[in-house]
Amino acid sequence: MGGNRDVEELAELLRELKGRTNRSYAALAARSGVSGSALHRYCSGTSVPGDYEVIGRFGKVCGAGSEELLELHRRWVLADAERKRAVSRAPAAVSATGSGGPDSPATPDVSRDETEGEPDGETGEGTGPDGAAEAEAGPDAEAVPGVAAEPGPLRSAPAQEPGSAAPPPHRRPLIAVLALAVVAAAGVAAALLGKVFTSSGGSGGSSDDRLLLSSRCPVVVSMGQSDACVHELQSLLARAGGKLDIDGAFGPVTQMRVVVFQLRSGLTPNGSVDERTKRALYENAGKPLGTWTPERVTRRIREVFTEDPERAVGIADCASLLDPLYTLPNSNATRNWGVFQLYDGTLRKLGGTREQSLDPDWNIRAAHRLWALTHDFSAWQACDRAYRAGSKGDKGS
């Protein structure tokens, strides 16, 4: 895996962040909530974590700014997509070439613990051995082509005995010829109808000015793409109230805004912009991506968490950068949502929904309900550990 460009770019950024700290792998690992050996593998490019949260905490411990954390997330998404492709390719390669042969492709250097999801802290359930394959594959996942059977040796036709009559030429039945003609005509008609619907946008109007629906853009616009189509997408998201840079690069913030737009538009929130999402963006006339500012979020957290307001703000900042529409995918096809990054399983336990979790006031009050169960921040162990480590560092300095 170390030779893959996306994995190497992720490892390069991790090494750059580590180089700023003058701390050992063991010291950084203790603050990031990961083993030192695993952190070394991530930084050397020999392994990719199944969840972004691990390296997100590492980045914050190393003092990465918000822009660097977004870039770190972008590189992880691309590297993780390659990890999933490598895992999916391995069984097909083994079945095609046999195991143990010298020509068999090397299995990607990803440990079983890293490819499987860890048991969830809320439900105790893991993803199982197929967790990585069942994870939210997104737009970068590729189907593994089947292996075509090798043609057998050519055999010459048996010699015709002298005096025997030549076999009559094979004639295609008339009904088969007619059937083929009907199928061909139907195909032409379907193509013509498809062209008509494409040019009309499916709604009777012209779509010549709707770039995403034109032939100039791919059927699905997704993470990692960088072109005029993404620029158009970002402009539509900004029109819907989203806060993001309009730079033509489909990164993690763009994907987060797409997920929330899809959720609030009644679409499948997968972060990939298919035709239904494109049409919804063009037809949208409201502000479904409007939300609170970080300053307002901070004030509300202090009002709700009167017992330990600064610590609560620090944990929310660690979890979501105080962005109410922050969403992160997990390796088992679930997501974390909102200010305090409430996991899907936690939402069910609290009787809430994904839509409610994106309401910052509901999210903050729900997080306080979790805190009240134990009167500590054990529900956010990683961020709490990072907060406490940062507080000790501040006191020491």
Protein backbone atom coordinates (compact mmCIF):
# COMPACT_ATOMS: atom_id res chain seq x y z
CA MET A 1 0.00 0.00 0.00
CA GLY A 2 2.94 2.26 0.60
CA GLY A 3 3.35 2.95 -3.12
CA ASN A 4 -0.10 4.43 -3.63
CA ARG A 5 -0.05 8.18 -4.25
CA ASP A 6 -3.11 9.00 -2.09
CA VAL A 7 -1.78 6.97 0.84
CA GLU A 8 1.65 8.57 0.51
CA GLU A 9 0.15 12.07 0.47
CA LEU A 10 -1.75 11.32 3.68
CA ALA A 11 1.40 9.93 5.32
CA GLU A 12 3.42 12.95 4.17
CA LEU A 13 1.03 15.36 5.88
CA LEU A 14 1.01 13.26 9.05
CA ARG A 15 4.81 13.31 9.16
CA GLU A 16 4.83 17.06 8.58
CA LEU A 17 2.46 17.58 11.52
CA LYS A 18 4.51 15.31 13.76
CA GLY A 19 7.70 17.15 12.84
CA ARG A 20 6.35 20.36 14.37
CA THR A 21 5.96 18.91 17.85
CA ASN A 22 9.39 17.45 18.67
CA ARG A 23 7.51 14.69 20.51
CA SER A 24 7.96 10.95 20.15
CA TYR A 25 5.40 8.64 18.59
CA ALA A 26 4.63 7.26 22.04
CA ALA A 27 3.93 10.70 23.50
CA LEU A 28 1.72 11.74 20.58
CA ALA A 29 -0.06 8.40 20.61
CA ALA A 30 -0.93 8.79 24.29
CA ARG A 31 -2.50 12.17 23.59
CA SER A 32 -4.29 10.95 20.47
CA GLY A 33 -5.80 7.79 21.95
CA VAL A 34 -4.02 5.36 19.59
CA SER A 35 -1.12 2.94 19.99
CA GLY A 36 2.36 4.14 19.13
CA SER A 37 2.93 1.32 16.63
CA ALA A 38 -0.31 2.11 14.79
CA LEU A 39 0.57 5.80 14.64
CA HIS A 40 3.99 4.94 13.22
CA ARG A 41 2.36 2.83 10.48
CA TYR A 42 0.03 5.67 9.54
CA CYS A 43 2.92 8.14 9.32
CA SER A 44 5.04 5.75 7.28
CA GLY A 45 2.24 5.06 4.79
CA THR A 46 2.09 1.30 5.43
CA SER A 47 -1.42 1.43 6.88
CA VAL A 48 -4.55 3.61 6.79
CA PRO A 49 -6.95 3.91 9.75
CA GLY A 50 -10.54 2.88 9.15
CA ASP A 51 -11.88 6.02 10.88
CA TYR A 52 -10.87 9.64 10.41
CA GLU A 53 -11.35 10.38 14.10
CA VAL A 54 -8.00 8.75 14.92
CA ILE A 55 -5.87 11.01 12.73
CA GLY A 56 -8.18 13.96 13.34
CA ARG A 57 -7.25 13.80 17.03
CA PHE A 58 -3.60 13.40 16.07
CA GLY A 59 -3.79 16.53 13.92
CA LYS A 60 -5.30 18.56 16.75
CA VAL A 61 -2.68 17.34 19.20
CA CYS A 62 -0.01 18.47 16.71
CA GLY A 63 -1.59 21.93 16.59
CA ALA A 64 -3.13 21.72 13.11
CA GLY A 65 -5.40 24.63 12.19
CA SER A 66 -8.90 24.30 10.77
CA GLU A 67 -7.71 24.44 7.16
CA GLU A 68 -5.06 21.82 7.81
CA LEU A 69 -7.61 19.56 9.49
CA LEU A 70 -9.86 19.84 6.45
CA GLU A 71 -6.94 18.98 4.18
CA LEU A 72 -6.09 16.06 6.47
CA HIS A 73 -9.67 14.82 6.16
CA ARG A 74 -9.58 15.17 2.38
CA ARG A 75 -6.41 13.12 2.12
CA TRP A 76 -7.78 10.47 4.49
CA VAL A 77 -10.95 10.09 2.38
CA LEU A 78 -8.89 9.43 -0.74
CA ALA A 79 -6.47 7.09 1.05
CA ASP A 80 -9.32 5.20 2.72
CA ALA A 81 -11.03 4.75 -0.64
CA GLU A 82 -7.83 3.15 -1.96
CA ARG A 83 -7.70 0.93 1.14
CA LYS A 84 -11.22 -0.31 0.42
CA ARG A 85 -10.38 -0.91 -3.22
CA ALA A 86 -7.29 -2.89 -2.23
CA VAL A 87 -9.31 -5.03 0.18
CA SER A 88 -11.95 -5.71 -2.46
CA ARG A 89 -9.35 -6.56 -5.11
CA ALA A 90 -7.47 -9.07 -2.96
CA PRO A 91 -10.08 -11.92 -2.99
CA ALA A 92 -10.56 -11.61 -6.75
CA ALA A 93 -6.83 -11.72 -7.36
CA VAL A 94 -6.44 -14.79 -5.17
CA SER A 95 -9.25 -16.65 -6.93
CA ALA A 96 -7.82 -15.76 -10.34
CA THR A 97 -4.17 -16.65 -9.76
CA GLY A 98 -4.30 -19.07 -6.86
CA SER A 99 -2.86 -18.43 -3.42
CA GLY A 100 0.82 -18.34 -2.75
CA GLY A 101 1.99 -18.12 -6.38
CA PRO A 102 4.79 -15.80 -7.33
CA ASP A 103 2.49 -13.80 -9.60
CA SER A 104 -0.17 -13.25 -6.94
CA PRO A 105 -0.62 -9.54 -6.10
CA ALA A 106 0.47 -8.54 -2.65
CA THR A 107 -2.25 -8.17 -0.06
CA PRO A 108 -2.48 -4.57 1.19
CA ASP A 109 -0.67 -4.01 4.46
CA VAL A 110 -3.75 -3.37 6.56
CA SER A 111 -4.22 -5.32 9.76
CA ARG A 112 -7.44 -7.12 10.62
CA ASP A 113 -8.06 -4.73 13.48
CA GLU A 114 -7.66 -1.76 11.15
CA THR A 115 -9.95 -3.07 8.41
CA GLU A 116 -12.68 -4.13 10.80
CA GLY A 117 -14.66 -1.58 12.76
CA GLU A 118 -14.00 -1.55 16.49
CA PRO A 119 -16.93 -2.31 18.79
CA ASP A 120 -19.08 0.75 19.21
CA GLY A 121 -18.80 2.41 22.59
CA GLU A 122 -22.55 2.94 22.83
CA THR A 123 -23.91 -0.36 21.52
CA GLY A 124 -20.93 -2.71 21.92
CA GLU A 125 -21.47 -3.93 18.39
CA GLY A 126 -18.71 -4.14 15.79
CA THR A 127 -18.86 -4.28 12.04
CA GLY A 128 -17.59 -7.86 11.83
CA PRO A 129 -15.05 -9.18 9.37
CA ASP A 130 -16.88 -7.63 6.46
CA GLY A 131 -17.20 -4.23 8.06
CA ALA A 132 -14.81 -2.53 5.71
CA ALA A 133 -16.61 -3.90 2.69
CA GLU A 134 -19.95 -2.78 4.07
CA ALA A 135 -18.72 0.69 4.92
CA GLU A 136 -19.97 3.76 3.13
CA ALA A 137 -18.01 3.22 0.02
CA GLY A 138 -18.81 6.57 -1.59
CA PRO A 139 -17.95 7.61 -5.09
CA ASP A 140 -14.37 6.27 -5.10
CA ALA A 141 -15.30 2.56 -4.64
CA GLU A 142 -14.71 0.48 -7.79
CA ALA A 143 -16.30 -2.76 -8.87
CA VAL A 144 -13.87 -5.61 -9.41
CA PRO A 145 -14.13 -6.83 -12.96
CA GLY A 146 -14.64 -10.53 -13.48
CA VAL A 147 -11.86 -12.69 -14.89
CA ALA A 148 -12.59 -13.84 -18.38
CA ALA A 149 -12.02 -17.51 -19.17
CA GLU A 150 -9.09 -18.19 -21.46
CA PRO A 151 -10.09 -19.43 -24.89
CA GLY A 152 -9.34 -23.08 -25.56
CA PRO A 153 -7.20 -24.27 -28.46
CA LEU A 154 -8.70 -23.94 -31.91
CA ARG A 155 -9.90 -27.19 -33.42
CA SER A 156 -10.17 -27.79 -37.12
CA ALA A 157 -13.48 -28.99 -38.52
CA PRO A 158 -13.57 -32.73 -39.33
CA ALA A 159 -12.85 -33.48 -42.96
CA GLN A 160 -15.93 -34.11 -45.05
CA GLU A 161 -16.15 -37.61 -46.44
CA PRO A 162 -16.11 -37.85 -50.21
CA GLY A 163 -19.51 -38.13 -51.76
CA SER A 164 -21.38 -36.89 -48.72
CA ALA A 165 -23.68 -33.96 -49.19
CA ALA A 166 -22.61 -30.66 -47.74
CA PRO A 167 -24.74 -29.63 -44.74
CA PRO A 168 -27.32 -26.99 -45.56
CA PRO A 169 -26.34 -23.46 -44.56
CA HIS A 170 -27.70 -22.38 -41.17
CA ARG A 171 -30.51 -19.91 -41.63
CA ARG A 172 -31.73 -17.62 -38.87
CA PRO A 173 -35.47 -18.10 -38.36
CA LEU A 174 -37.55 -15.24 -39.68
CA ILE A 175 -39.16 -14.61 -36.29
CA ALA A 176 -35.69 -14.12 -34.71
CA VAL A 177 -34.78 -11.57 -37.39
CA LEU A 178 -38.02 -9.69 -36.74
CA ALA A 179 -37.40 -9.78 -32.99
CA LEU A 180 -33.93 -8.30 -33.43
CA ALA A 181 -35.35 -5.55 -35.60
CA VAL A 182 -37.96 -4.70 -32.96
CA VAL A 183 -35.30 -4.58 -30.20
CA ALA A 184 -33.09 -2.34 -32.32
CA ALA A 185 -35.97 0.01 -33.06
CA ALA A 186 -36.86 0.14 -29.37
CA GLY A 187 -33.27 1.00 -28.50
CA VAL A 188 -33.21 3.86 -30.98
CA ALA A 189 -36.52 5.16 -29.65
CA ALA A 190 -35.28 4.98 -26.06
CA ALA A 191 -32.10 6.87 -26.97
CA LEU A 192 -34.11 9.58 -28.69
CA LEU A 193 -36.47 9.89 -25.72
CA GLY A 194 -33.52 10.05 -23.33
CA LYS A 195 -32.02 12.86 -25.36
CA VAL A 196 -35.31 14.75 -25.30
CA PHE A 197 -35.65 14.39 -21.53
CA THR A 198 -32.03 15.37 -20.98
CA SER A 199 -32.35 18.49 -23.06
CA SER A 200 -35.59 19.47 -21.33
CA GLY A 201 -34.33 18.74 -17.82
CA GLY A 202 -37.18 16.28 -17.32
CA SER A 203 -39.52 19.09 -16.35
CA GLY A 204 -40.43 20.72 -19.63
CA GLY A 205 -37.88 23.52 -19.33
CA SER A 206 -34.49 24.07 -20.86
CA SER A 207 -31.44 22.89 -18.88
CA ASP A 208 -28.85 24.45 -21.16
CA ASP A 209 -27.88 26.82 -18.35
CA ARG A 210 -27.79 24.05 -15.70
CA LEU A 211 -24.22 22.88 -15.91
CA LEU A 212 -24.54 19.93 -13.51
CA LEU A 213 -27.29 18.41 -15.65
CA SER A 214 -25.38 18.82 -18.89
CA SER A 215 -23.11 16.33 -20.63
CA ARG A 216 -20.13 18.41 -19.53
CA CYS A 217 -20.41 17.01 -15.98
CA PRO A 218 -20.23 13.38 -14.84
CA VAL A 219 -23.41 11.57 -13.85
CA VAL A 220 -22.24 11.65 -10.22
CA VAL A 221 -20.08 14.49 -8.85
CA SER A 222 -18.12 13.27 -5.85
CA MET A 223 -15.19 13.65 -3.47
CA GLY A 224 -11.81 14.28 -5.04
CA GLN A 225 -13.18 15.93 -8.19
CA SER A 226 -11.86 19.38 -9.09
CA ASP A 227 -13.40 21.27 -12.01
CA ALA A 228 -16.09 23.69 -13.13
CA CYS A 229 -18.81 21.18 -12.16
CA VAL A 230 -17.69 21.29 -8.53
CA HIS A 231 -17.54 25.09 -8.69
CA GLU A 232 -21.17 25.09 -9.83
CA LEU A 233 -22.10 22.66 -7.05
CA GLN A 234 -20.44 24.83 -4.41
CA SER A 235 -22.21 27.93 -5.73
CA LEU A 236 -25.57 26.16 -5.38
CA LEU A 237 -24.71 25.01 -1.85
CA ALA A 238 -23.74 28.57 -0.91
CA ARG A 239 -27.03 29.80 -2.37
CA ALA A 240 -28.74 27.31 -0.05
CA GLY A 241 -27.05 28.96 2.93
CA GLY A 242 -23.95 26.77 3.18
CA LYS A 243 -20.69 28.19 4.50
CA LEU A 244 -17.87 26.89 2.29
CA ASP A 245 -15.14 28.01 -0.07
CA ILE A 246 -16.12 28.14 -3.74
CA ASP A 247 -12.81 26.92 -5.14
CA GLY A 248 -13.87 24.12 -7.51
CA ALA A 249 -12.33 21.37 -5.32
CA PHE A 250 -14.67 18.74 -3.86
CA GLY A 251 -13.25 18.33 -0.36
CA PRO A 252 -14.62 17.32 3.05
CA VAL A 253 -16.50 20.57 3.73
CA THR A 254 -18.27 20.34 0.38
CA GLN A 255 -19.20 16.74 1.15
CA MET A 256 -20.54 17.70 4.59
CA ARG A 257 -22.72 20.38 3.05
CA VAL A 258 -23.99 17.94 0.43
CA VAL A 259 -24.88 15.37 3.11
CA VAL A 260 -26.89 17.91 5.11
CA PHE A 261 -28.61 19.26 2.00
CA GLN A 262 -29.58 15.73 0.99
CA LEU A 263 -30.88 14.91 4.46
CA ARG A 264 -32.99 18.06 4.65
CA SER A 265 -34.27 17.52 1.11
CA GLY A 266 -35.50 13.98 1.75
CA LEU A 267 -32.69 12.37 -0.26
CA THR A 268 -30.22 9.64 0.68
CA PRO A 269 -27.45 11.44 2.62
CA ASN A 270 -24.42 9.77 1.05
CA GLY A 271 -22.42 12.86 0.03
CA SER A 272 -22.38 12.00 -3.69
CA VAL A 273 -24.22 14.34 -6.04
CA ASP A 274 -26.42 12.24 -8.32
CA GLU A 275 -29.12 13.50 -10.67
CA ARG A 276 -31.80 13.76 -7.96
CA THR A 277 -29.48 15.86 -5.80
CA LYS A 278 -28.56 18.07 -8.76
CA ARG A 279 -32.21 18.76 -9.57
CA ALA A 280 -33.01 19.45 -5.92
CA LEU A 281 -30.17 21.97 -5.75
CA TYR A 282 -31.41 23.82 -8.82
CA GLU A 283 -35.04 23.76 -7.66
CA ASN A 284 -34.24 24.81 -4.08
CA ALA A 285 -35.43 28.27 -3.13
CA GLY A 286 -34.77 28.20 0.62
CA LYS A 287 -31.82 28.16 3.01
CA PRO A 288 -31.63 24.55 4.24
CA LEU A 289 -27.95 25.00 5.09
CA GLY A 290 -28.39 28.06 7.28
CA THR A 291 -27.26 27.55 10.89
CA TRP A 292 -25.66 29.19 13.94
CA THR A 293 -22.26 30.86 14.00
CA PRO A 294 -19.50 29.34 16.18
CA GLU A 295 -19.87 32.29 18.56
CA ARG A 296 -23.54 31.59 19.10
CA VAL A 297 -22.80 27.88 19.58
CA THR A 298 -20.20 28.75 22.22
CA ARG A 299 -22.62 30.97 24.13
CA ARG A 300 -25.32 28.28 24.15
CA ILE A 301 -22.91 25.57 25.36
CA ARG A 302 -21.91 27.76 28.30
CA GLU A 303 -25.57 28.38 29.12
CA VAL A 304 -26.41 24.65 29.13
CA PHE A 305 -23.21 23.19 30.64
CA THR A 306 -23.15 25.41 33.72
CA GLU A 307 -21.26 22.72 35.66
CA ASP A 308 -18.13 22.87 33.46
CA PRO A 309 -18.71 25.30 30.59
CA GLU A 310 -15.13 25.79 29.33
CA ARG A 311 -14.44 22.08 29.20
CA ALA A 312 -17.68 21.50 27.31
CA VAL A 313 -16.75 24.19 24.78
CA GLY A 314 -13.30 22.65 24.37
CA ILE A 315 -14.75 19.19 23.71
CA ALA A 316 -17.26 20.53 21.19
CA ASP A 317 -14.47 22.44 19.45
CA CYS A 318 -12.43 19.23 19.29
CA ALA A 319 -15.40 17.22 17.98
CA SER A 320 -16.84 19.55 15.35
CA LEU A 321 -14.94 22.86 15.28
CA LEU A 322 -18.22 24.27 16.68
CA ASP A 323 -19.91 23.69 13.31
CA PRO A 324 -23.56 22.61 13.81
CA LEU A 325 -23.62 20.96 10.37
CA TYR A 326 -20.41 18.96 10.88
CA THR A 327 -20.84 15.30 9.91
CA LEU A 328 -18.27 12.53 9.75
CA PRO A 329 -18.69 9.01 8.34
CA ASN A 330 -17.67 5.93 10.29
CA SER A 331 -16.28 2.75 8.79
CA ASN A 332 -19.51 0.83 9.52
CA ALA A 333 -21.71 3.07 7.32
CA THR A 334 -22.95 5.20 10.24
CA ARG A 335 -22.27 8.88 10.87
CA ASN A 336 -21.64 11.32 13.69
CA TRP A 337 -23.73 14.47 13.66
CA GLY A 338 -23.62 18.07 14.75
CA VAL A 339 -21.91 20.10 17.47
CA PHE A 340 -21.12 17.18 19.79
CA GLN A 341 -20.84 14.57 17.00
CA LEU A 342 -23.65 12.33 18.23
CA TYR A 343 -23.41 8.84 16.80
CA ASP A 344 -26.45 7.25 15.10
CA GLY A 345 -26.75 4.69 17.91
CA THR A 346 -26.66 7.44 20.53
CA LEU A 347 -29.40 9.32 18.70
CA ARG A 348 -31.62 6.26 18.86
CA LYS A 349 -31.02 5.90 22.60
CA LEU A 350 -31.90 9.56 23.12
CA GLY A 351 -35.04 9.24 21.02
CA GLY A 352 -33.70 11.69 18.46
CA THR A 353 -33.20 11.75 14.72
CA ARG A 354 -30.48 12.86 12.37
CA GLU A 355 -32.53 15.92 11.49
CA GLN A 356 -32.80 16.90 15.15
CA SER A 357 -29.07 16.39 15.69
CA LEU A 358 -28.37 19.17 13.18
CA ASP A 359 -30.36 21.62 15.31
CA PRO A 360 -27.56 23.07 17.47
CA ASP A 361 -29.81 23.75 20.46
CA TRP A 362 -31.17 20.19 20.45
CA ASN A 363 -27.69 18.74 19.97
CA ILE A 364 -26.22 20.71 22.87
CA ARG A 365 -29.07 19.80 25.21
CA ALA A 366 -28.85 16.13 24.15
CA ALA A 367 -25.12 16.17 24.88
CA HIS A 368 -25.86 17.55 28.35
CA ARG A 369 -28.27 14.66 28.91
CA LEU A 370 -25.41 12.28 28.11
CA TRP A 371 -23.11 14.16 30.46
CA ALA A 372 -25.71 13.99 33.25
CA LEU A 373 -25.70 10.17 33.14
CA THR A 374 -22.16 10.03 34.56
CA HIS A 375 -21.40 13.68 35.38
CA ASP A 376 -18.29 13.51 33.25
CA PHE A 377 -17.33 13.63 29.59
CA SER A 378 -16.69 9.89 29.18
CA ALA A 379 -19.00 9.84 26.14
CA TRP A 380 -16.27 11.86 24.36
CA GLN A 381 -13.20 10.09 25.74
CA ALA A 382 -10.83 11.01 22.93
CA CYS A 383 -11.67 14.73 22.94
CA ASP A 384 -11.72 14.81 26.73
CA ARG A 385 -8.26 13.22 26.81
CA ALA A 386 -7.00 15.75 24.28
CA TYR A 387 -8.59 18.62 26.25
CA ARG A 388 -7.00 17.49 29.51
CA ALA A 389 -3.63 16.99 27.82
CA GLY A 390 -3.85 20.48 26.34
CA SER A 391 -4.80 21.96 29.69
CA LYS A 392 -1.79 20.34 31.35
CA GLY A 393 0.44 21.62 28.59
CA ASP A 394 -0.87 25.16 29.03
CA LYS A 395 -0.25 25.02 32.75
CA GLY A 396 3.26 23.66 32.22
CA SER A 397 4.14 26.43 29.85
